[in-house]
Amino acid sequence: MKAIQVDGEKLIWADVASAQCGAGEVKIRVHATAINRADLLQRAGGYPPPPGASPIMGLECAGEVIEMGEGVQRCKVGDAVCALLAGGGYAEEVVVAAGQVLPVPKGLSMVQAAALPEVFATAYLNLYMEGALQTTEKTIVHAGASGVGTAAIQLLKQSGNPVFVTVGSDEKLRSCVELGADTGSVRHQGSFAEAATAWAGEQGVDVILDPVGGLYLADNLHVLGLGGRLVLIGLMGGAVTEANLALLMLKRARVIGSTLRARAIGEKAAVMDALQRNVWPDIERGAIRPIIEAEMPIQQTQDAHALMASNATVGKIVLTVT
């Protein structure tokens, strides 16, 4: 099969050995995959795949089941599926644990389905499972125009949670408000803390979804309310900073570190089951949709990476394979 390989500064579409399908696994002929910021980090050598995972980039895909290992009952050969991957999506074929595979939602194309697994799994896991979000609780979603951000905003609208976003431009803020955000702050115009505090009121914010890290920690703790939860899912703003621990204690707040890629198969399967149960129906009735900035053939992956690195996108960039 062919897959994207890193050749110095270049990304090339080249022949590689096809992966073998083992017990409990599914082999998928990939029709489309999508880019995540983790792919750029992996390409730069800063985010290696977990042990046993494919070294090929790509954390999600949509395609057709072409082979099943022993014991698989979740799907059958010929099914249209999308999957959450630990790696391997930038290829013609990929092998994945059956628990990480879901049917393509009714009415969606393969391109649309490829934009779902990673960002919706990340948003759902960290808002509702790690963050224990309850209806009507107030939230902040940093990087609101990102793939995870646009997924989170739509989930929060459906679950009845007001949301404040931080974004990189006025245009992105407008896009987020159209998706369901109440309001937000443009990061180039100063700290979000004052605007978020005015929006949240005396009660403060209940849950913050943060891929930024160090740069935002002090302001995050400032705007959290009593019993608030800060869920850290990235470190784009640095890994080391100072924190006011007295504030953390007085607010009885919690800082939760969370990653998805290296979790056990059973944990990922639990997230995917929750998506099928609680989110797929909303997608099928049109209340939630994948937000796609661009669709490009996989041979143009290098250009697609450059587009993501520009920070000019809203939502996902999808790569078509077949």
C-alpha atoms as a PDB file:
ATOM      1  CA  MET A   1       0.000   0.000   0.000  1.00  0.00           C
ATOM      2  CA  LYS A   2       0.979   3.663  -0.169  1.00  0.00           C
ATOM      3  CA  ALA A   3       1.269   6.049   2.756  1.00  0.00           C
ATOM      4  CA  ILE A   4       2.691   9.462   3.571  1.00  0.00           C
ATOM      5  CA  GLN A   5       6.321   9.219   4.668  1.00  0.00           C
ATOM      6  CA  VAL A   6       8.572  11.911   6.122  1.00  0.00           C
ATOM      7  CA  ASP A   7      11.637  12.409   3.925  1.00  0.00           C
ATOM      8  CA  GLY A   8      13.663  15.200   5.531  1.00  0.00           C
ATOM      9  CA  GLU A   9      11.602  18.355   5.048  1.00  0.00           C
ATOM     10  CA  LYS A  10       9.319  16.674   2.512  1.00  0.00           C
ATOM     11  CA  LEU A  11       6.221  14.525   2.822  1.00  0.00           C
ATOM     12  CA  ILE A  12       6.010  11.904   0.095  1.00  0.00           C
ATOM     13  CA  TRP A  13       3.330   9.402  -0.987  1.00  0.00           C
ATOM     14  CA  ALA A  14       5.313   6.183  -1.146  1.00  0.00           C
ATOM     15  CA  ASP A  15       5.026   2.398  -0.909  1.00  0.00           C
ATOM     16  CA  VAL A  16       5.095   0.837   2.568  1.00  0.00           C
ATOM     17  CA  ALA A  17       4.275  -2.600   3.967  1.00  0.00           C
ATOM     18  CA  SER A  18       0.584  -3.241   4.565  1.00  0.00           C
ATOM     19  CA  ALA A  19      -0.395  -3.765   8.206  1.00  0.00           C
ATOM     20  CA  GLN A  20      -1.690  -7.162   9.328  1.00  0.00           C
ATOM     21  CA  CYS A  21      -5.138  -7.506  10.867  1.00  0.00           C
ATOM     22  CA  GLY A  22      -5.089  -9.369  14.192  1.00  0.00           C
ATOM     23  CA  ALA A  23      -7.706 -10.619  16.638  1.00  0.00           C
ATOM     24  CA  GLY A  24     -10.133  -7.906  17.700  1.00  0.00           C
ATOM     25  CA  GLU A  25      -8.992  -5.617  14.896  1.00  0.00           C
ATOM     26  CA  VAL A  26     -10.485  -4.187  11.731  1.00  0.00           C
ATOM     27  CA  LYS A  27      -8.722  -3.301   8.484  1.00  0.00           C
ATOM     28  CA  ILE A  28     -10.140  -0.267   6.691  1.00  0.00           C
ATOM     29  CA  ARG A  29      -9.589   0.879   3.120  1.00  0.00           C
ATOM     30  CA  VAL A  30      -9.148   4.600   3.777  1.00  0.00           C
ATOM     31  CA  HIS A  31     -11.248   6.977   1.689  1.00  0.00           C
ATOM     32  CA  ALA A  32     -10.385  10.096   3.666  1.00  0.00           C
ATOM     33  CA  THR A  33      -8.354  11.154   6.673  1.00  0.00           C
ATOM     34  CA  ALA A  34      -7.939  14.473   8.476  1.00  0.00           C
ATOM     35  CA  ILE A  35      -5.129  16.593   9.859  1.00  0.00           C
ATOM     36  CA  ASN A  36      -4.671  17.316  13.545  1.00  0.00           C
ATOM     37  CA  ARG A  37      -2.102  19.583  15.151  1.00  0.00           C
ATOM     38  CA  ALA A  38      -0.583  16.494  16.749  1.00  0.00           C
ATOM     39  CA  ASP A  39       0.449  15.395  13.239  1.00  0.00           C
ATOM     40  CA  LEU A  40       2.579  18.512  12.864  1.00  0.00           C
ATOM     41  CA  LEU A  41       4.187  17.836  16.242  1.00  0.00           C
ATOM     42  CA  GLN A  42       4.874  14.215  15.305  1.00  0.00           C
ATOM     43  CA  ARG A  43       6.416  15.272  11.996  1.00  0.00           C
ATOM     44  CA  ALA A  44       8.739  17.633  13.905  1.00  0.00           C
ATOM     45  CA  GLY A  45       9.788  14.842  16.272  1.00  0.00           C
ATOM     46  CA  GLY A  46       7.952  16.230  19.293  1.00  0.00           C
ATOM     47  CA  TYR A  47       5.078  13.765  19.628  1.00  0.00           C
ATOM     48  CA  PRO A  48       6.101  10.164  18.944  1.00  0.00           C
ATOM     49  CA  PRO A  49       3.372   7.542  18.564  1.00  0.00           C
ATOM     50  CA  PRO A  50       2.649   5.384  21.619  1.00  0.00           C
ATOM     51  CA  PRO A  51       4.264   1.919  21.793  1.00  0.00           C
ATOM     52  CA  GLY A  52       2.813  -0.455  19.239  1.00  0.00           C
ATOM     53  CA  ALA A  53       1.102   2.241  17.182  1.00  0.00           C
ATOM     54  CA  SER A  54       1.787   2.832  13.504  1.00  0.00           C
ATOM     55  CA  PRO A  55       4.605   5.343  12.883  1.00  0.00           C
ATOM     56  CA  ILE A  56       2.548   6.771   9.998  1.00  0.00           C
ATOM     57  CA  MET A  57       0.771  10.023  10.852  1.00  0.00           C
ATOM     58  CA  GLY A  58      -3.004  10.295  10.979  1.00  0.00           C
ATOM     59  CA  LEU A  59      -5.293  10.028  14.022  1.00  0.00           C
ATOM     60  CA  GLU A  60      -8.618   9.413  12.278  1.00  0.00           C
ATOM     61  CA  CYS A  61     -10.104   8.157   9.043  1.00  0.00           C
ATOM     62  CA  ALA A  62     -13.244   7.138   7.204  1.00  0.00           C
ATOM     63  CA  GLY A  63     -13.484   4.265   4.772  1.00  0.00           C
ATOM     64  CA  GLU A  64     -14.700   0.757   4.050  1.00  0.00           C
ATOM     65  CA  VAL A  65     -14.117  -2.342   6.174  1.00  0.00           C
ATOM     66  CA  ILE A  66     -12.134  -4.842   4.085  1.00  0.00           C
ATOM     67  CA  GLU A  67     -11.040  -7.374   6.722  1.00  0.00           C
ATOM     68  CA  MET A  68     -11.889  -8.356  10.285  1.00  0.00           C
ATOM     69  CA  GLY A  69      -9.869 -10.214  12.882  1.00  0.00           C
ATOM     70  CA  GLU A  70     -11.131 -12.996  15.084  1.00  0.00           C
ATOM     71  CA  GLY A  71     -13.863 -12.019  17.523  1.00  0.00           C
ATOM     72  CA  VAL A  72     -14.960  -8.792  15.848  1.00  0.00           C
ATOM     73  CA  GLN A  73     -18.726  -8.261  15.975  1.00  0.00           C
ATOM     74  CA  ARG A  74     -18.925  -4.474  15.885  1.00  0.00           C
ATOM     75  CA  CYS A  75     -18.987  -4.248  12.085  1.00  0.00           C
ATOM     76  CA  LYS A  76     -18.759  -6.382   8.942  1.00  0.00           C
ATOM     77  CA  VAL A  77     -16.845  -6.348   5.665  1.00  0.00           C
ATOM     78  CA  GLY A  78     -18.234  -3.680   3.371  1.00  0.00           C
ATOM     79  CA  ASP A  79     -19.446  -1.357   6.135  1.00  0.00           C
ATOM     80  CA  ALA A  80     -18.806   2.372   5.816  1.00  0.00           C
ATOM     81  CA  VAL A  81     -17.038   3.377   9.021  1.00  0.00           C
ATOM     82  CA  CYS A  82     -14.954   6.070  10.648  1.00  0.00           C
ATOM     83  CA  ALA A  83     -12.297   5.378  13.240  1.00  0.00           C
ATOM     84  CA  LEU A  84     -10.212   6.929  15.986  1.00  0.00           C
ATOM     85  CA  LEU A  85      -6.566   5.958  15.459  1.00  0.00           C
ATOM     86  CA  ALA A  86      -3.314   6.060  17.412  1.00  0.00           C
ATOM     87  CA  GLY A  87      -1.594   6.487  14.039  1.00  0.00           C
ATOM     88  CA  GLY A  88      -1.679   5.252  10.459  1.00  0.00           C
ATOM     89  CA  GLY A  89      -4.439   7.355   8.905  1.00  0.00           C
ATOM     90  CA  TYR A  90      -2.322   8.909   6.147  1.00  0.00           C
ATOM     91  CA  ALA A  91      -2.407   5.670   4.130  1.00  0.00           C
ATOM     92  CA  GLU A  92      -4.471   3.568   1.754  1.00  0.00           C
ATOM     93  CA  GLU A  93      -5.217   1.047   4.514  1.00  0.00           C
ATOM     94  CA  VAL A  94      -5.172   1.086   8.286  1.00  0.00           C
ATOM     95  CA  VAL A  95      -5.676  -1.499  11.031  1.00  0.00           C
ATOM     96  CA  VAL A  96      -7.427  -0.434  14.229  1.00  0.00           C
ATOM     97  CA  ALA A  97      -9.014  -2.011  17.300  1.00  0.00           C
ATOM     98  CA  ALA A  98     -12.701  -2.661  16.634  1.00  0.00           C
ATOM     99  CA  GLY A  99     -13.748  -0.671  19.688  1.00  0.00           C
ATOM    100  CA  GLN A 100     -12.454   2.501  18.051  1.00  0.00           C
ATOM    101  CA  VAL A 101     -14.635   2.092  14.954  1.00  0.00           C
ATOM    102  CA  LEU A 102     -18.090   3.603  14.435  1.00  0.00           C
ATOM    103  CA  PRO A 103     -20.508   3.571  11.501  1.00  0.00           C
ATOM    104  CA  VAL A 104     -20.476   6.658   9.299  1.00  0.00           C
ATOM    105  CA  PRO A 105     -23.480   8.728  10.464  1.00  0.00           C
ATOM    106  CA  LYS A 106     -26.416   8.527   8.080  1.00  0.00           C
ATOM    107  CA  GLY A 107     -26.372  11.300   5.493  1.00  0.00           C
ATOM    108  CA  LEU A 108     -22.648  12.044   5.751  1.00  0.00           C
ATOM    109  CA  SER A 109     -20.002  11.510   3.085  1.00  0.00           C
ATOM    110  CA  MET A 110     -16.666   9.843   3.761  1.00  0.00           C
ATOM    111  CA  VAL A 111     -15.006  13.273   3.690  1.00  0.00           C
ATOM    112  CA  GLN A 112     -17.388  14.586   6.337  1.00  0.00           C
ATOM    113  CA  ALA A 113     -17.048  11.442   8.461  1.00  0.00           C
ATOM    114  CA  ALA A 114     -13.245  11.659   8.424  1.00  0.00           C
ATOM    115  CA  ALA A 115     -13.521  15.005  10.241  1.00  0.00           C
ATOM    116  CA  LEU A 116     -15.399  13.519  13.206  1.00  0.00           C
ATOM    117  CA  PRO A 117     -13.528  10.947  15.330  1.00  0.00           C
ATOM    118  CA  GLU A 118     -10.522  12.730  16.819  1.00  0.00           C
ATOM    119  CA  VAL A 119     -12.069  16.111  17.567  1.00  0.00           C
ATOM    120  CA  PHE A 120     -15.444  14.898  18.798  1.00  0.00           C
ATOM    121  CA  ALA A 121     -13.835  12.180  20.918  1.00  0.00           C
ATOM    122  CA  THR A 122     -11.458  14.758  22.413  1.00  0.00           C
ATOM    123  CA  ALA A 123     -14.180  17.300  23.107  1.00  0.00           C
ATOM    124  CA  TYR A 124     -16.640  14.781  24.532  1.00  0.00           C
ATOM    125  CA  LEU A 125     -14.074  13.011  26.718  1.00  0.00           C
ATOM    126  CA  ASN A 126     -12.730  16.184  28.259  1.00  0.00           C
ATOM    127  CA  LEU A 127     -15.939  18.164  28.723  1.00  0.00           C
ATOM    128  CA  TYR A 128     -18.325  15.492  29.929  1.00  0.00           C
ATOM    129  CA  MET A 129     -16.192  12.647  31.239  1.00  0.00           C
ATOM    130  CA  GLU A 130     -13.088  14.354  32.652  1.00  0.00           C
ATOM    131  CA  GLY A 131     -14.742  17.724  33.287  1.00  0.00           C
ATOM    132  CA  ALA A 132     -17.992  16.192  34.622  1.00  0.00           C
ATOM    133  CA  LEU A 133     -19.944  19.006  32.976  1.00  0.00           C
ATOM    134  CA  GLN A 134     -23.550  19.450  34.078  1.00  0.00           C
ATOM    135  CA  THR A 135     -26.396  21.130  32.189  1.00  0.00           C
ATOM    136  CA  THR A 136     -26.384  24.964  32.391  1.00  0.00           C
ATOM    137  CA  GLU A 137     -22.807  25.117  33.731  1.00  0.00           C
ATOM    138  CA  LYS A 138     -20.732  27.827  32.066  1.00  0.00           C
ATOM    139  CA  THR A 139     -17.702  26.909  29.954  1.00  0.00           C
ATOM    140  CA  ILE A 140     -14.702  28.440  28.237  1.00  0.00           C
ATOM    141  CA  VAL A 141     -13.280  26.820  25.118  1.00  0.00           C
ATOM    142  CA  HIS A 142      -9.845  28.111  24.176  1.00  0.00           C
ATOM    143  CA  ALA A 143      -8.870  27.941  20.483  1.00  0.00           C
ATOM    144  CA  GLY A 144     -12.571  27.924  19.700  1.00  0.00           C
ATOM    145  CA  ALA A 145     -12.114  27.906  15.912  1.00  0.00           C
ATOM    146  CA  SER A 146      -9.932  24.775  15.947  1.00  0.00           C
ATOM    147  CA  GLY A 147     -11.232  21.331  15.091  1.00  0.00           C
ATOM    148  CA  VAL A 148     -11.724  20.459  18.756  1.00  0.00           C
ATOM    149  CA  GLY A 149     -13.104  23.923  19.454  1.00  0.00           C
ATOM    150  CA  THR A 150     -15.762  23.833  16.737  1.00  0.00           C
ATOM    151  CA  ALA A 151     -16.774  20.338  17.878  1.00  0.00           C
ATOM    152  CA  ALA A 152     -16.950  21.456  21.513  1.00  0.00           C
ATOM    153  CA  ILE A 153     -19.091  24.514  20.769  1.00  0.00           C
ATOM    154  CA  GLN A 154     -21.680  22.395  18.986  1.00  0.00           C
ATOM    155  CA  LEU A 155     -21.738  19.770  21.740  1.00  0.00           C
ATOM    156  CA  LEU A 156     -22.167  22.478  24.364  1.00  0.00           C
ATOM    157  CA  LYS A 157     -25.033  24.079  22.474  1.00  0.00           C
ATOM    158  CA  GLN A 158     -26.860  20.739  22.440  1.00  0.00           C
ATOM    159  CA  SER A 159     -26.233  20.063  26.141  1.00  0.00           C
ATOM    160  CA  GLY A 160     -27.409  23.498  27.262  1.00  0.00           C
ATOM    161  CA  ASN A 161     -24.068  24.933  28.372  1.00  0.00           C
ATOM    162  CA  PRO A 162     -23.233  28.605  27.726  1.00  0.00           C
ATOM    163  CA  VAL A 163     -19.792  28.958  26.144  1.00  0.00           C
ATOM    164  CA  PHE A 164     -17.181  31.717  25.895  1.00  0.00           C
ATOM    165  CA  VAL A 165     -14.375  31.216  23.361  1.00  0.00           C
ATOM    166  CA  THR A 166     -10.921  32.591  22.749  1.00  0.00           C
ATOM    167  CA  VAL A 167      -9.829  32.849  19.115  1.00  0.00           C
ATOM    168  CA  GLY A 168      -7.228  34.431  16.852  1.00  0.00           C
ATOM    169  CA  SER A 169      -9.351  36.916  14.889  1.00  0.00           C
ATOM    170  CA  ASP A 170     -12.674  38.744  14.739  1.00  0.00           C
ATOM    171  CA  GLU A 171     -13.651  36.594  11.769  1.00  0.00           C
ATOM    172  CA  LYS A 172     -13.048  33.416  13.764  1.00  0.00           C
ATOM    173  CA  LEU A 173     -15.079  34.824  16.638  1.00  0.00           C
ATOM    174  CA  ARG A 174     -18.006  35.417  14.290  1.00  0.00           C
ATOM    175  CA  SER A 175     -17.728  31.818  13.054  1.00  0.00           C
ATOM    176  CA  CYS A 176     -17.805  30.504  16.623  1.00  0.00           C
ATOM    177  CA  VAL A 177     -20.839  32.597  17.532  1.00  0.00           C
ATOM    178  CA  GLU A 178     -22.635  31.262  14.448  1.00  0.00           C
ATOM    179  CA  LEU A 179     -21.938  27.728  15.743  1.00  0.00           C
ATOM    180  CA  GLY A 180     -23.409  28.494  19.151  1.00  0.00           C
ATOM    181  CA  ALA A 181     -20.875  30.356  21.300  1.00  0.00           C
ATOM    182  CA  ASP A 182     -22.281  33.229  23.369  1.00  0.00           C
ATOM    183  CA  THR A 183     -19.315  35.523  22.890  1.00  0.00           C
ATOM    184  CA  GLY A 184     -15.543  35.498  23.220  1.00  0.00           C
ATOM    185  CA  SER A 185     -12.204  37.229  23.098  1.00  0.00           C
ATOM    186  CA  VAL A 186      -9.561  37.711  20.396  1.00  0.00           C
ATOM    187  CA  ARG A 187      -6.206  36.715  21.851  1.00  0.00           C
ATOM    188  CA  HIS A 188      -4.239  39.438  20.038  1.00  0.00           C
ATOM    189  CA  GLN A 189      -6.318  42.081  21.846  1.00  0.00           C
ATOM    190  CA  GLY A 190      -5.093  41.213  25.340  1.00  0.00           C
ATOM    191  CA  SER A 191      -6.111  38.903  28.175  1.00  0.00           C
ATOM    192  CA  PHE A 192      -9.487  37.168  27.955  1.00  0.00           C
ATOM    193  CA  ALA A 193      -9.919  37.294  31.748  1.00  0.00           C
ATOM    194  CA  GLU A 194     -11.791  40.597  32.038  1.00  0.00           C
ATOM    195  CA  ALA A 195     -14.305  39.819  29.289  1.00  0.00           C
ATOM    196  CA  ALA A 196     -14.810  36.251  30.524  1.00  0.00           C
ATOM    197  CA  THR A 197     -15.361  37.436  34.105  1.00  0.00           C
ATOM    198  CA  ALA A 198     -17.949  39.981  32.979  1.00  0.00           C
ATOM    199  CA  TRP A 199     -19.704  37.286  30.944  1.00  0.00           C
ATOM    200  CA  ALA A 200     -19.683  34.612  33.662  1.00  0.00           C
ATOM    201  CA  GLY A 201     -20.730  36.873  36.542  1.00  0.00           C
ATOM    202  CA  GLU A 202     -20.040  36.305  40.235  1.00  0.00           C
ATOM    203  CA  GLN A 203     -20.459  32.535  39.963  1.00  0.00           C
ATOM    204  CA  GLY A 204     -17.487  32.258  37.612  1.00  0.00           C
ATOM    205  CA  VAL A 205     -16.788  29.608  35.011  1.00  0.00           C
ATOM    206  CA  ASP A 206     -17.414  25.933  35.740  1.00  0.00           C
ATOM    207  CA  VAL A 207     -15.305  24.122  33.113  1.00  0.00           C
ATOM    208  CA  ILE A 208     -12.459  25.331  30.888  1.00  0.00           C
ATOM    209  CA  LEU A 209     -11.204  23.293  27.918  1.00  0.00           C
ATOM    210  CA  ASP A 210      -7.642  24.445  27.324  1.00  0.00           C
ATOM    211  CA  PRO A 211      -5.097  23.386  24.675  1.00  0.00           C
ATOM    212  CA  VAL A 212      -2.859  26.386  25.477  1.00  0.00           C
ATOM    213  CA  GLY A 213      -1.375  25.545  28.866  1.00  0.00           C
ATOM    214  CA  GLY A 214       1.161  27.730  30.630  1.00  0.00           C
ATOM    215  CA  LEU A 215       0.359  31.057  29.006  1.00  0.00           C
ATOM    216  CA  TYR A 216      -3.273  30.930  30.150  1.00  0.00           C
ATOM    217  CA  LEU A 217      -2.970  29.240  33.533  1.00  0.00           C
ATOM    218  CA  ALA A 218      -3.108  32.343  35.747  1.00  0.00           C
ATOM    219  CA  ASP A 219      -6.108  33.796  33.917  1.00  0.00           C
ATOM    220  CA  ASN A 220      -7.835  30.419  33.856  1.00  0.00           C
ATOM    221  CA  LEU A 221      -7.575  30.124  37.641  1.00  0.00           C
ATOM    222  CA  HIS A 222      -8.811  33.695  37.999  1.00  0.00           C
ATOM    223  CA  VAL A 223     -12.037  33.123  36.056  1.00  0.00           C
ATOM    224  CA  LEU A 224     -12.866  29.669  37.481  1.00  0.00           C
ATOM    225  CA  GLY A 225     -15.709  29.614  39.964  1.00  0.00           C
ATOM    226  CA  LEU A 226     -16.057  27.602  43.152  1.00  0.00           C
ATOM    227  CA  GLY A 227     -15.489  23.934  42.321  1.00  0.00           C
ATOM    228  CA  GLY A 228     -14.433  24.799  38.775  1.00  0.00           C
ATOM    229  CA  ARG A 229     -12.512  22.367  36.579  1.00  0.00           C
ATOM    230  CA  LEU A 230      -9.689  23.249  34.209  1.00  0.00           C
ATOM    231  CA  VAL A 231      -9.018  20.469  31.699  1.00  0.00           C
ATOM    232  CA  LEU A 232      -5.616  20.770  30.025  1.00  0.00           C
ATOM    233  CA  ILE A 233      -5.419  19.053  26.627  1.00  0.00           C
ATOM    234  CA  GLY A 234      -2.425  20.817  25.060  1.00  0.00           C
ATOM    235  CA  LEU A 235       0.606  22.983  25.680  1.00  0.00           C
ATOM    236  CA  MET A 236       0.682  25.407  22.750  1.00  0.00           C
ATOM    237  CA  GLY A 237       1.407  28.215  25.221  1.00  0.00           C
ATOM    238  CA  GLY A 238       4.157  26.422  27.121  1.00  0.00           C
ATOM    239  CA  ALA A 239       4.538  23.651  29.667  1.00  0.00           C
ATOM    240  CA  VAL A 240       6.090  25.569  32.571  1.00  0.00           C
ATOM    241  CA  THR A 241       4.553  28.480  34.476  1.00  0.00           C
ATOM    242  CA  GLU A 242       3.764  29.747  37.983  1.00  0.00           C
ATOM    243  CA  ALA A 243       0.423  29.141  39.668  1.00  0.00           C
ATOM    244  CA  ASN A 244      -1.337  30.750  42.616  1.00  0.00           C
ATOM    245  CA  LEU A 245      -1.992  27.622  44.664  1.00  0.00           C
ATOM    246  CA  ALA A 246      -3.891  29.592  47.312  1.00  0.00           C
ATOM    247  CA  LEU A 247      -6.441  30.561  44.663  1.00  0.00           C
ATOM    248  CA  LEU A 248      -6.701  26.941  43.583  1.00  0.00           C
ATOM    249  CA  MET A 249      -7.382  25.878  47.172  1.00  0.00           C
ATOM    250  CA  LEU A 250      -9.826  28.663  48.033  1.00  0.00           C
ATOM    251  CA  LYS A 251     -11.912  27.882  44.961  1.00  0.00           C
ATOM    252  CA  ARG A 252     -11.645  24.135  45.544  1.00  0.00           C
ATOM    253  CA  ALA A 253     -10.800  24.012  41.846  1.00  0.00           C
ATOM    254  CA  ARG A 254      -9.327  21.082  39.964  1.00  0.00           C
ATOM    255  CA  VAL A 255      -6.697  21.048  37.230  1.00  0.00           C
ATOM    256  CA  ILE A 256      -7.056  17.905  35.113  1.00  0.00           C
ATOM    257  CA  GLY A 257      -4.389  16.829  32.642  1.00  0.00           C
ATOM    258  CA  SER A 258      -5.742  14.762  29.776  1.00  0.00           C
ATOM    259  CA  THR A 259      -4.520  13.076  26.607  1.00  0.00           C
ATOM    260  CA  LEU A 260      -6.414  10.731  24.279  1.00  0.00           C
ATOM    261  CA  ARG A 261      -3.920   9.097  21.927  1.00  0.00           C
ATOM    262  CA  ALA A 262      -2.071   6.928  24.463  1.00  0.00           C
ATOM    263  CA  ARG A 263      -5.139   5.724  26.383  1.00  0.00           C
ATOM    264  CA  ALA A 264      -5.975   2.045  26.538  1.00  0.00           C
ATOM    265  CA  ILE A 265      -8.222   0.587  23.854  1.00  0.00           C
ATOM    266  CA  GLY A 266     -10.984   0.034  26.395  1.00  0.00           C
ATOM    267  CA  GLU A 267     -10.972   3.687  27.414  1.00  0.00           C
ATOM    268  CA  LYS A 268     -11.115   4.827  23.801  1.00  0.00           C
ATOM    269  CA  ALA A 269     -13.919   2.371  23.083  1.00  0.00           C
ATOM    270  CA  ALA A 270     -15.915   3.841  25.988  1.00  0.00           C
ATOM    271  CA  VAL A 271     -15.576   7.315  24.478  1.00  0.00           C
ATOM    272  CA  MET A 272     -16.589   6.067  21.021  1.00  0.00           C
ATOM    273  CA  ASP A 273     -19.597   4.256  22.479  1.00  0.00           C
ATOM    274  CA  ALA A 274     -20.653   7.490  24.189  1.00  0.00           C
ATOM    275  CA  LEU A 275     -20.350   9.364  20.900  1.00  0.00           C
ATOM    276  CA  GLN A 276     -22.512   6.829  19.085  1.00  0.00           C
ATOM    277  CA  ARG A 277     -25.101   6.962  21.847  1.00  0.00           C
ATOM    278  CA  ASN A 278     -25.164  10.695  22.587  1.00  0.00           C
ATOM    279  CA  VAL A 279     -23.738  12.555  19.575  1.00  0.00           C
ATOM    280  CA  TRP A 280     -24.356  10.488  16.419  1.00  0.00           C
ATOM    281  CA  PRO A 281     -28.164  11.058  16.633  1.00  0.00           C
ATOM    282  CA  ASP A 282     -27.598  14.833  16.702  1.00  0.00           C
ATOM    283  CA  ILE A 283     -25.307  14.561  13.676  1.00  0.00           C
ATOM    284  CA  GLU A 284     -27.846  12.464  11.770  1.00  0.00           C
ATOM    285  CA  ARG A 285     -30.629  15.004  12.391  1.00  0.00           C
ATOM    286  CA  GLY A 286     -28.373  17.892  11.349  1.00  0.00           C
ATOM    287  CA  ALA A 287     -28.019  19.594  14.742  1.00  0.00           C
ATOM    288  CA  ILE A 288     -24.248  18.952  14.739  1.00  0.00           C
ATOM    289  CA  ARG A 289     -22.035  18.914  11.660  1.00  0.00           C
ATOM    290  CA  PRO A 290     -18.355  18.511  10.845  1.00  0.00           C
ATOM    291  CA  ILE A 291     -16.723  21.884  10.168  1.00  0.00           C
ATOM    292  CA  ILE A 292     -14.323  21.548   7.236  1.00  0.00           C
ATOM    293  CA  GLU A 293     -12.041  24.368   6.106  1.00  0.00           C
ATOM    294  CA  ALA A 294     -10.475  22.555   3.148  1.00  0.00           C
ATOM    295  CA  GLU A 295     -10.445  19.245   1.286  1.00  0.00           C
ATOM    296  CA  MET A 296      -7.223  18.231  -0.468  1.00  0.00           C
ATOM    297  CA  PRO A 297      -5.851  15.059  -2.083  1.00  0.00           C
ATOM    298  CA  ILE A 298      -3.441  13.203   0.180  1.00  0.00           C
ATOM    299  CA  GLN A 299      -0.607  13.812  -2.286  1.00  0.00           C
ATOM    300  CA  GLN A 300      -0.844  17.476  -1.179  1.00  0.00           C
ATOM    301  CA  THR A 301      -0.332  16.699   2.516  1.00  0.00           C
ATOM    302  CA  GLN A 302       2.664  19.024   2.705  1.00  0.00           C
ATOM    303  CA  ASP A 303       0.514  21.952   1.539  1.00  0.00           C
ATOM    304  CA  ALA A 304      -2.224  20.901   3.941  1.00  0.00           C
ATOM    305  CA  HIS A 305       0.239  20.926   6.851  1.00  0.00           C
ATOM    306  CA  ALA A 306       1.374  24.407   5.850  1.00  0.00           C
ATOM    307  CA  LEU A 307      -2.242  25.569   5.834  1.00  0.00           C
ATOM    308  CA  MET A 308      -2.804  24.240   9.351  1.00  0.00           C
ATOM    309  CA  ALA A 309       0.454  25.775  10.578  1.00  0.00           C
ATOM    310  CA  SER A 310      -0.734  29.179   9.310  1.00  0.00           C
ATOM    311  CA  ASN A 311      -3.463  29.210  11.994  1.00  0.00           C
ATOM    312  CA  ALA A 312      -5.819  30.648   9.373  1.00  0.00           C
ATOM    313  CA  THR A 313      -8.314  27.769   9.406  1.00  0.00           C
ATOM    314  CA  VAL A 314     -11.688  27.200  11.035  1.00  0.00           C
ATOM    315  CA  GLY A 315     -12.388  23.534  11.749  1.00  0.00           C
ATOM    316  CA  LYS A 316     -10.746  20.637   9.915  1.00  0.00           C
ATOM    317  CA  ILE A 317      -8.572  19.989   6.884  1.00  0.00           C
ATOM    318  CA  VAL A 318      -9.488  16.684   5.223  1.00  0.00           C
ATOM    319  CA  LEU A 319      -7.249  14.620   2.944  1.00  0.00           C
ATOM    320  CA  THR A 320      -8.933  12.427   0.330  1.00  0.00           C
ATOM    321  CA  VAL A 321      -7.293   9.070  -0.407  1.00  0.00           C
ATOM    322  CA  THR A 322      -9.669   7.213  -2.748  1.00  0.00           C
END
